[in-house]
Amino acid sequence: MKRWIAGILALFNLGNGLVMLSAGSVWWSLVPGAADTGPFNPHLVQDVGIAFLAAGLGLAARAWRPAWWPAAVAGAAFLAGHGLLHLAMIAGGHDRHAASDLIAVILPATLALYSALPSPREQPGETPCVVSSRAVCCVPIPSATVTTPVISR
């Protein structure tokens, strides 16, 4: 279930980030409350669009491979911070779009945190590293297969 939630949120965040990067002024005019913060700033919208892309990629990694949940935690951290900012604005009475913020910002951030963390039955596997004179390679594999790091020269 967590992987499905992560996958759906990944699509939402990837789409949002792509629109922010490719059609920022359209995004600015359509998102409730964005225009209330001041004039359109394309650089700011693109910067935040990249953050949404990163969050989406982290959640997509979790949906694709459960062992990659730390990537989703990193992406969810941005979404959680963004959600807490909006929650503080609502609590302080400085948000005229509380309902849309609850649905479009705070709820997805909460779901992202929930979906990013592994459930008790998802035991993260060992991550052995192969070290050579040219590179270090760490690949997640099931813990039943390898219990200690493999080191070669």
N, C-alpha and C. Protein backbone atom coordinates (compact mmCIF):
# COMPACT_ATOMS: atom_id res chain seq x y z
N MET A 1 0.81 -1.19 0.00
CA MET A 1 0.00 0.00 0.00
C MET A 1 0.86 1.27 0.00
N LYS A 2 1.94 1.26 0.81
CA LYS A 2 2.81 2.43 0.88
C LYS A 2 3.46 2.70 -0.48
N ARG A 3 3.81 1.64 -1.18
CA ARG A 3 4.43 1.83 -2.49
C ARG A 3 3.45 2.45 -3.48
N TRP A 4 2.18 2.06 -3.41
CA TRP A 4 1.17 2.65 -4.30
C TRP A 4 1.00 4.14 -3.99
N ILE A 5 0.93 4.46 -2.71
CA ILE A 5 0.79 5.87 -2.32
C ILE A 5 2.00 6.66 -2.80
N ALA A 6 3.19 6.10 -2.60
CA ALA A 6 4.41 6.77 -3.05
C ALA A 6 4.39 6.97 -4.57
N GLY A 7 3.92 5.97 -5.30
CA GLY A 7 3.86 6.07 -6.76
C GLY A 7 2.89 7.15 -7.23
N ILE A 8 1.73 7.21 -6.60
CA ILE A 8 0.74 8.24 -6.98
C ILE A 8 1.27 9.63 -6.65
N LEU A 9 1.87 9.77 -5.46
CA LEU A 9 2.44 11.07 -5.09
C LEU A 9 3.63 11.44 -5.99
N ALA A 10 4.37 10.43 -6.42
CA ALA A 10 5.49 10.69 -7.34
C ALA A 10 4.98 11.31 -8.63
N LEU A 11 3.93 10.73 -9.19
CA LEU A 11 3.36 11.27 -10.43
C LEU A 11 2.88 12.71 -10.23
N PHE A 12 2.19 12.96 -9.13
CA PHE A 12 1.69 14.30 -8.83
C PHE A 12 2.84 15.31 -8.72
N ASN A 13 3.89 14.94 -7.98
CA ASN A 13 5.01 15.86 -7.77
C ASN A 13 5.87 16.04 -9.02
N LEU A 14 6.06 14.96 -9.76
CA LEU A 14 6.81 15.09 -11.02
C LEU A 14 6.06 15.99 -12.00
N GLY A 15 4.75 15.79 -12.09
CA GLY A 15 3.94 16.63 -12.97
C GLY A 15 3.97 18.08 -12.55
N ASN A 16 3.81 18.33 -11.26
CA ASN A 16 3.85 19.69 -10.75
C ASN A 16 5.19 20.35 -11.05
N GLY A 17 6.27 19.62 -10.79
CA GLY A 17 7.61 20.16 -11.05
C GLY A 17 7.84 20.46 -12.52
N LEU A 18 7.38 19.57 -13.39
CA LEU A 18 7.54 19.80 -14.83
C LEU A 18 6.76 21.03 -15.30
N VAL A 19 5.55 21.19 -14.79
CA VAL A 19 4.76 22.37 -15.17
C VAL A 19 5.43 23.63 -14.64
N MET A 20 5.95 23.58 -13.43
CA MET A 20 6.63 24.75 -12.88
C MET A 20 7.85 25.13 -13.71
N LEU A 21 8.54 24.14 -14.24
CA LEU A 21 9.73 24.41 -15.06
C LEU A 21 9.38 24.86 -16.47
N SER A 22 8.33 24.30 -17.04
CA SER A 22 8.04 24.56 -18.45
C SER A 22 6.98 25.63 -18.69
N ALA A 23 6.10 25.83 -17.72
CA ALA A 23 5.02 26.81 -17.89
C ALA A 23 4.75 27.50 -16.55
N GLY A 24 5.79 28.08 -16.01
CA GLY A 24 5.72 28.68 -14.68
C GLY A 24 4.66 29.76 -14.54
N SER A 25 4.50 30.60 -15.54
CA SER A 25 3.51 31.67 -15.43
C SER A 25 2.09 31.11 -15.43
N VAL A 26 1.86 30.04 -16.17
CA VAL A 26 0.55 29.38 -16.15
C VAL A 26 0.32 28.76 -14.78
N TRP A 27 1.34 28.08 -14.26
CA TRP A 27 1.25 27.49 -12.92
C TRP A 27 0.92 28.57 -11.90
N TRP A 28 1.62 29.70 -11.97
CA TRP A 28 1.44 30.81 -11.04
C TRP A 28 0.00 31.34 -11.06
N SER A 29 -0.57 31.41 -12.23
CA SER A 29 -1.93 31.96 -12.33
C SER A 29 -3.00 30.96 -11.92
N LEU A 30 -2.71 29.67 -11.96
CA LEU A 30 -3.71 28.65 -11.64
C LEU A 30 -3.70 28.17 -10.19
N VAL A 31 -2.56 28.25 -9.52
CA VAL A 31 -2.45 27.73 -8.16
C VAL A 31 -3.03 28.74 -7.17
N PRO A 32 -4.04 28.33 -6.39
CA PRO A 32 -4.65 29.26 -5.43
C PRO A 32 -3.62 29.79 -4.44
N GLY A 33 -3.57 31.10 -4.31
CA GLY A 33 -2.68 31.74 -3.34
C GLY A 33 -1.32 32.11 -3.86
N ALA A 34 -0.88 31.55 -4.99
CA ALA A 34 0.46 31.88 -5.48
C ALA A 34 0.57 33.36 -5.82
N ALA A 35 -0.39 33.87 -6.53
CA ALA A 35 -0.34 35.29 -6.93
C ALA A 35 -0.49 36.22 -5.73
N ASP A 36 -1.06 35.73 -4.62
CA ASP A 36 -1.20 36.56 -3.41
C ASP A 36 0.13 36.86 -2.75
N THR A 37 1.17 36.10 -3.09
CA THR A 37 2.48 36.27 -2.45
C THR A 37 3.33 37.35 -3.11
N GLY A 38 2.88 37.89 -4.22
CA GLY A 38 3.63 38.93 -4.92
C GLY A 38 3.67 38.66 -6.40
N PRO A 39 4.47 39.46 -7.11
CA PRO A 39 4.54 39.28 -8.57
C PRO A 39 5.23 37.97 -8.94
N PHE A 40 4.91 37.48 -10.13
CA PHE A 40 5.51 36.24 -10.64
C PHE A 40 7.02 36.37 -10.71
N ASN A 41 7.71 35.38 -10.17
CA ASN A 41 9.17 35.33 -10.19
C ASN A 41 9.57 34.01 -10.85
N PRO A 42 9.91 34.04 -12.14
CA PRO A 42 10.18 32.78 -12.85
C PRO A 42 11.32 31.97 -12.25
N HIS A 43 12.36 32.64 -11.76
CA HIS A 43 13.49 31.91 -11.18
C HIS A 43 13.05 31.15 -9.92
N LEU A 44 12.28 31.81 -9.07
CA LEU A 44 11.80 31.16 -7.85
C LEU A 44 10.91 29.96 -8.19
N VAL A 45 10.00 30.13 -9.13
CA VAL A 45 9.09 29.04 -9.50
C VAL A 45 9.90 27.87 -10.07
N GLN A 46 10.91 28.14 -10.87
CA GLN A 46 11.73 27.06 -11.42
C GLN A 46 12.55 26.38 -10.34
N ASP A 47 13.10 27.15 -9.38
CA ASP A 47 13.84 26.53 -8.28
C ASP A 47 12.95 25.57 -7.50
N VAL A 48 11.76 26.02 -7.17
CA VAL A 48 10.84 25.17 -6.41
C VAL A 48 10.37 24.00 -7.27
N GLY A 49 10.25 24.21 -8.57
CA GLY A 49 9.90 23.12 -9.48
C GLY A 49 10.94 22.01 -9.43
N ILE A 50 12.20 22.38 -9.33
CA ILE A 50 13.26 21.38 -9.22
C ILE A 50 13.12 20.60 -7.91
N ALA A 51 12.75 21.29 -6.83
CA ALA A 51 12.54 20.61 -5.56
C ALA A 51 11.39 19.60 -5.66
N PHE A 52 10.32 19.98 -6.36
CA PHE A 52 9.21 19.05 -6.56
C PHE A 52 9.63 17.87 -7.43
N LEU A 53 10.47 18.10 -8.43
CA LEU A 53 10.98 16.99 -9.24
C LEU A 53 11.80 16.03 -8.38
N ALA A 54 12.66 16.59 -7.53
CA ALA A 54 13.47 15.74 -6.65
C ALA A 54 12.60 14.93 -5.70
N ALA A 55 11.58 15.57 -5.14
CA ALA A 55 10.66 14.85 -4.26
C ALA A 55 9.95 13.74 -5.02
N GLY A 56 9.51 14.04 -6.23
CA GLY A 56 8.84 13.04 -7.05
C GLY A 56 9.75 11.88 -7.40
N LEU A 57 11.00 12.17 -7.71
CA LEU A 57 11.94 11.09 -8.04
C LEU A 57 12.21 10.21 -6.82
N GLY A 58 12.34 10.82 -5.65
CA GLY A 58 12.54 10.04 -4.43
C GLY A 58 11.36 9.12 -4.15
N LEU A 59 10.16 9.64 -4.30
CA LEU A 59 8.96 8.83 -4.08
C LEU A 59 8.83 7.75 -5.15
N ALA A 60 9.21 8.07 -6.38
CA ALA A 60 9.18 7.07 -7.45
C ALA A 60 10.16 5.94 -7.16
N ALA A 61 11.32 6.28 -6.61
CA ALA A 61 12.30 5.25 -6.26
C ALA A 61 11.72 4.30 -5.21
N ARG A 62 11.01 4.84 -4.25
CA ARG A 62 10.37 4.02 -3.20
C ARG A 62 9.30 3.12 -3.80
N ALA A 63 8.53 3.67 -4.73
CA ALA A 63 7.47 2.87 -5.36
C ALA A 63 8.07 1.74 -6.20
N TRP A 64 9.20 2.01 -6.82
CA TRP A 64 9.82 1.03 -7.70
C TRP A 64 10.58 -0.04 -6.92
N ARG A 65 11.39 0.40 -5.96
CA ARG A 65 12.21 -0.51 -5.17
C ARG A 65 12.05 -0.18 -3.68
N PRO A 66 11.41 -1.04 -2.91
CA PRO A 66 11.18 -0.75 -1.49
C PRO A 66 12.46 -0.43 -0.72
N ALA A 67 13.58 -1.06 -1.08
CA ALA A 67 14.83 -0.82 -0.37
C ALA A 67 15.35 0.61 -0.56
N TRP A 68 14.80 1.33 -1.50
CA TRP A 68 15.25 2.69 -1.76
C TRP A 68 14.41 3.71 -0.99
N TRP A 69 13.81 3.29 0.12
CA TRP A 69 12.98 4.18 0.92
C TRP A 69 13.73 5.42 1.40
N PRO A 70 15.06 5.38 1.64
CA PRO A 70 15.72 6.62 2.08
C PRO A 70 15.60 7.76 1.05
N ALA A 71 15.55 7.42 -0.23
CA ALA A 71 15.36 8.46 -1.25
C ALA A 71 14.00 9.12 -1.08
N ALA A 72 12.99 8.32 -0.75
CA ALA A 72 11.65 8.87 -0.54
C ALA A 72 11.61 9.74 0.71
N VAL A 73 12.36 9.36 1.74
CA VAL A 73 12.42 10.17 2.96
C VAL A 73 13.00 11.54 2.63
N ALA A 74 14.02 11.58 1.80
CA ALA A 74 14.61 12.87 1.41
C ALA A 74 13.59 13.72 0.65
N GLY A 75 12.88 13.11 -0.28
CA GLY A 75 11.86 13.85 -1.01
C GLY A 75 10.72 14.29 -0.11
N ALA A 76 10.31 13.40 0.80
CA ALA A 76 9.22 13.73 1.72
C ALA A 76 9.63 14.83 2.69
N ALA A 77 10.92 14.95 2.97
CA ALA A 77 11.38 16.01 3.87
C ALA A 77 11.06 17.39 3.29
N PHE A 78 11.29 17.57 2.00
CA PHE A 78 10.91 18.84 1.37
C PHE A 78 9.41 19.06 1.47
N LEU A 79 8.64 18.04 1.12
CA LEU A 79 7.18 18.17 1.14
C LEU A 79 6.68 18.44 2.57
N ALA A 80 7.28 17.80 3.56
CA ALA A 80 6.88 18.02 4.95
C ALA A 80 7.20 19.45 5.40
N GLY A 81 8.38 19.94 5.04
CA GLY A 81 8.72 21.32 5.38
C GLY A 81 7.77 22.30 4.72
N HIS A 82 7.46 22.06 3.47
CA HIS A 82 6.52 22.89 2.73
C HIS A 82 5.15 22.84 3.40
N GLY A 83 4.71 21.65 3.79
CA GLY A 83 3.42 21.48 4.46
C GLY A 83 3.38 22.17 5.81
N LEU A 84 4.48 22.07 6.58
CA LEU A 84 4.53 22.75 7.88
C LEU A 84 4.47 24.27 7.73
N LEU A 85 5.11 24.79 6.70
CA LEU A 85 5.03 26.23 6.44
C LEU A 85 3.59 26.66 6.19
N HIS A 86 2.89 25.90 5.36
CA HIS A 86 1.50 26.22 5.07
C HIS A 86 0.61 26.04 6.31
N LEU A 87 0.89 25.03 7.11
CA LEU A 87 0.14 24.81 8.34
C LEU A 87 0.33 25.98 9.31
N ALA A 88 1.55 26.47 9.41
CA ALA A 88 1.83 27.62 10.27
C ALA A 88 1.10 28.87 9.76
N MET A 89 1.04 29.02 8.45
CA MET A 89 0.32 30.17 7.88
C MET A 89 -1.18 30.07 8.19
N ILE A 90 -1.73 28.87 8.11
CA ILE A 90 -3.15 28.67 8.44
C ILE A 90 -3.38 28.97 9.91
N ALA A 91 -2.52 28.42 10.77
CA ALA A 91 -2.68 28.61 12.22
C ALA A 91 -2.55 30.08 12.61
N GLY A 92 -1.72 30.82 11.89
CA GLY A 92 -1.53 32.24 12.17
C GLY A 92 -2.57 33.14 11.54
N GLY A 93 -3.49 32.55 10.80
CA GLY A 93 -4.54 33.33 10.16
C GLY A 93 -4.07 34.11 8.94
N HIS A 94 -2.96 33.70 8.36
CA HIS A 94 -2.40 34.41 7.21
C HIS A 94 -2.61 33.66 5.89
N ASP A 95 -3.62 32.84 5.84
CA ASP A 95 -3.84 32.03 4.65
C ASP A 95 -5.31 32.12 4.24
N ARG A 96 -5.55 32.70 3.09
CA ARG A 96 -6.93 32.83 2.60
C ARG A 96 -7.38 31.61 1.82
N HIS A 97 -6.50 30.64 1.67
CA HIS A 97 -6.80 29.44 0.88
C HIS A 97 -6.56 28.19 1.71
N ALA A 98 -7.03 28.19 2.95
CA ALA A 98 -6.75 27.10 3.88
C ALA A 98 -7.26 25.76 3.36
N ALA A 99 -8.46 25.73 2.80
CA ALA A 99 -9.02 24.45 2.34
C ALA A 99 -8.16 23.85 1.23
N SER A 100 -7.78 24.65 0.26
CA SER A 100 -6.96 24.10 -0.83
C SER A 100 -5.57 23.73 -0.33
N ASP A 101 -5.03 24.48 0.64
CA ASP A 101 -3.73 24.13 1.21
C ASP A 101 -3.79 22.80 1.96
N LEU A 102 -4.87 22.58 2.69
CA LEU A 102 -5.02 21.32 3.40
C LEU A 102 -5.06 20.14 2.44
N ILE A 103 -5.78 20.30 1.33
CA ILE A 103 -5.94 19.21 0.37
C ILE A 103 -4.73 19.04 -0.54
N ALA A 104 -4.17 20.15 -1.02
CA ALA A 104 -3.13 20.06 -2.04
C ALA A 104 -1.70 20.12 -1.50
N VAL A 105 -1.52 20.55 -0.26
CA VAL A 105 -0.16 20.68 0.29
C VAL A 105 0.03 19.81 1.53
N ILE A 106 -0.81 19.99 2.53
CA ILE A 106 -0.59 19.34 3.82
C ILE A 106 -0.92 17.84 3.76
N LEU A 107 -2.02 17.46 3.17
CA LEU A 107 -2.37 16.05 3.05
C LEU A 107 -1.32 15.27 2.24
N PRO A 108 -0.91 15.76 1.05
CA PRO A 108 0.13 15.03 0.31
C PRO A 108 1.45 14.93 1.09
N ALA A 109 1.81 15.97 1.84
CA ALA A 109 3.05 15.92 2.62
C ALA A 109 2.95 14.84 3.70
N THR A 110 1.80 14.76 4.35
CA THR A 110 1.59 13.73 5.38
C THR A 110 1.65 12.34 4.77
N LEU A 111 0.99 12.17 3.64
CA LEU A 111 1.01 10.87 2.96
C LEU A 111 2.41 10.52 2.47
N ALA A 112 3.17 11.52 2.04
CA ALA A 112 4.54 11.27 1.58
C ALA A 112 5.40 10.73 2.73
N LEU A 113 5.29 11.36 3.89
CA LEU A 113 6.05 10.86 5.04
C LEU A 113 5.63 9.43 5.40
N TYR A 114 4.33 9.20 5.43
CA TYR A 114 3.83 7.86 5.74
C TYR A 114 4.35 6.82 4.73
N SER A 115 4.27 7.16 3.46
CA SER A 115 4.66 6.18 2.43
C SER A 115 6.17 6.00 2.32
N ALA A 116 6.93 7.00 2.75
CA ALA A 116 8.39 6.92 2.60
C ALA A 116 9.03 5.97 3.60
N LEU A 117 8.52 5.94 4.80
CA LEU A 117 9.15 5.12 5.84
C LEU A 117 8.77 3.65 5.67
N PRO A 118 9.73 2.75 5.89
CA PRO A 118 9.42 1.33 5.72
C PRO A 118 8.50 0.83 6.83
N SER A 119 7.62 -0.08 6.48
CA SER A 119 6.77 -0.71 7.49
C SER A 119 7.59 -1.77 8.22
N PRO A 120 7.11 -2.23 9.38
CA PRO A 120 7.88 -3.22 10.15
C PRO A 120 8.19 -4.50 9.36
N ARG A 121 7.31 -4.89 8.46
CA ARG A 121 7.58 -6.13 7.70
C ARG A 121 8.54 -5.92 6.55
N GLU A 122 8.84 -4.67 6.23
CA GLU A 122 9.84 -4.38 5.20
C GLU A 122 11.20 -4.21 5.87
N GLN A 123 11.95 -5.27 5.89
CA GLN A 123 13.26 -5.22 6.51
C GLN A 123 14.28 -4.78 5.47
N PRO A 124 14.88 -3.61 5.67
CA PRO A 124 15.90 -3.19 4.71
C PRO A 124 17.02 -4.22 4.64
N GLY A 125 17.42 -4.58 3.43
CA GLY A 125 18.50 -5.55 3.24
C GLY A 125 19.86 -4.94 3.48
N GLU A 126 20.83 -5.80 3.61
CA GLU A 126 22.21 -5.35 3.74
C GLU A 126 22.62 -4.66 2.44
N THR A 127 23.51 -3.75 2.53
CA THR A 127 24.02 -3.08 1.34
C THR A 127 25.52 -3.29 1.28
N PRO A 128 25.94 -4.43 0.72
CA PRO A 128 27.37 -4.68 0.63
C PRO A 128 28.02 -3.76 -0.40
N CYS A 129 29.24 -3.43 -0.15
CA CYS A 129 29.98 -2.57 -1.07
C CYS A 129 31.17 -3.34 -1.62
N VAL A 130 31.38 -3.21 -2.89
CA VAL A 130 32.54 -3.78 -3.55
C VAL A 130 33.52 -2.64 -3.77
N VAL A 131 34.71 -2.77 -3.21
CA VAL A 131 35.70 -1.71 -3.29
C VAL A 131 36.85 -2.19 -4.15
N SER A 132 37.21 -1.41 -5.15
CA SER A 132 38.38 -1.72 -5.97
C SER A 132 39.26 -0.48 -6.00
N SER A 133 40.37 -0.56 -6.69
CA SER A 133 41.26 0.60 -6.77
C SER A 133 40.65 1.73 -7.60
N ARG A 134 39.58 1.44 -8.35
CA ARG A 134 38.98 2.45 -9.22
C ARG A 134 37.61 2.94 -8.77
N ALA A 135 36.88 2.15 -7.98
CA ALA A 135 35.51 2.54 -7.66
C ALA A 135 35.00 1.83 -6.42
N VAL A 136 33.94 2.40 -5.87
CA VAL A 136 33.19 1.77 -4.80
C VAL A 136 31.77 1.60 -5.31
N CYS A 137 31.24 0.40 -5.21
CA CYS A 137 29.89 0.13 -5.70
C CYS A 137 29.07 -0.51 -4.60
N CYS A 138 27.95 0.13 -4.23
CA CYS A 138 27.05 -0.42 -3.23
C CYS A 138 25.72 -0.72 -3.89
N VAL A 139 25.27 -1.95 -3.78
CA VAL A 139 24.03 -2.36 -4.41
C VAL A 139 23.14 -3.03 -3.37
N PRO A 140 21.90 -2.55 -3.18
CA PRO A 140 21.01 -3.23 -2.22
C PRO A 140 20.66 -4.63 -2.70
N ILE A 141 20.85 -5.60 -1.83
CA ILE A 141 20.46 -6.98 -2.11
C ILE A 141 19.82 -7.55 -0.86
N PRO A 142 19.04 -8.61 -0.97
CA PRO A 142 18.37 -9.18 0.20
C PRO A 142 19.36 -9.58 1.28
N SER A 143 19.00 -9.35 2.55
CA SER A 143 19.91 -9.63 3.66
C SER A 143 20.19 -11.12 3.81
N ALA A 144 19.30 -11.97 3.34
CA ALA A 144 19.53 -13.41 3.45
C ALA A 144 20.66 -13.87 2.54
N THR A 145 20.97 -13.10 1.51
CA THR A 145 22.00 -13.48 0.57
C THR A 145 23.39 -13.14 1.08
N VAL A 146 23.57 -11.94 1.60
CA VAL A 146 24.87 -11.48 2.06
C VAL A 146 24.68 -10.82 3.41
N THR A 147 25.52 -11.19 4.37
CA THR A 147 25.38 -10.59 5.69
C THR A 147 26.53 -9.65 6.03
N THR A 148 27.59 -9.66 5.25
CA THR A 148 28.70 -8.75 5.51
C THR A 148 29.14 -8.14 4.19
N PRO A 149 29.78 -6.98 4.26
CA PRO A 149 30.27 -6.36 3.03
C PRO A 149 31.32 -7.23 2.33
N VAL A 150 31.30 -7.17 1.02
CA VAL A 150 32.28 -7.89 0.20
C VAL A 150 33.32 -6.87 -0.23
N ILE A 151 34.56 -7.11 0.12
CA ILE A 151 35.63 -6.17 -0.24
C ILE A 151 36.64 -6.90 -1.11
N SER A 152 36.91 -6.32 -2.27
CA SER A 152 37.90 -6.91 -3.16
C SER A 152 38.87 -5.83 -3.59
N ARG A 153 40.03 -6.23 -4.07
CA ARG A 153 41.03 -5.25 -4.52
C ARG A 153 41.33 -5.44 -5.97
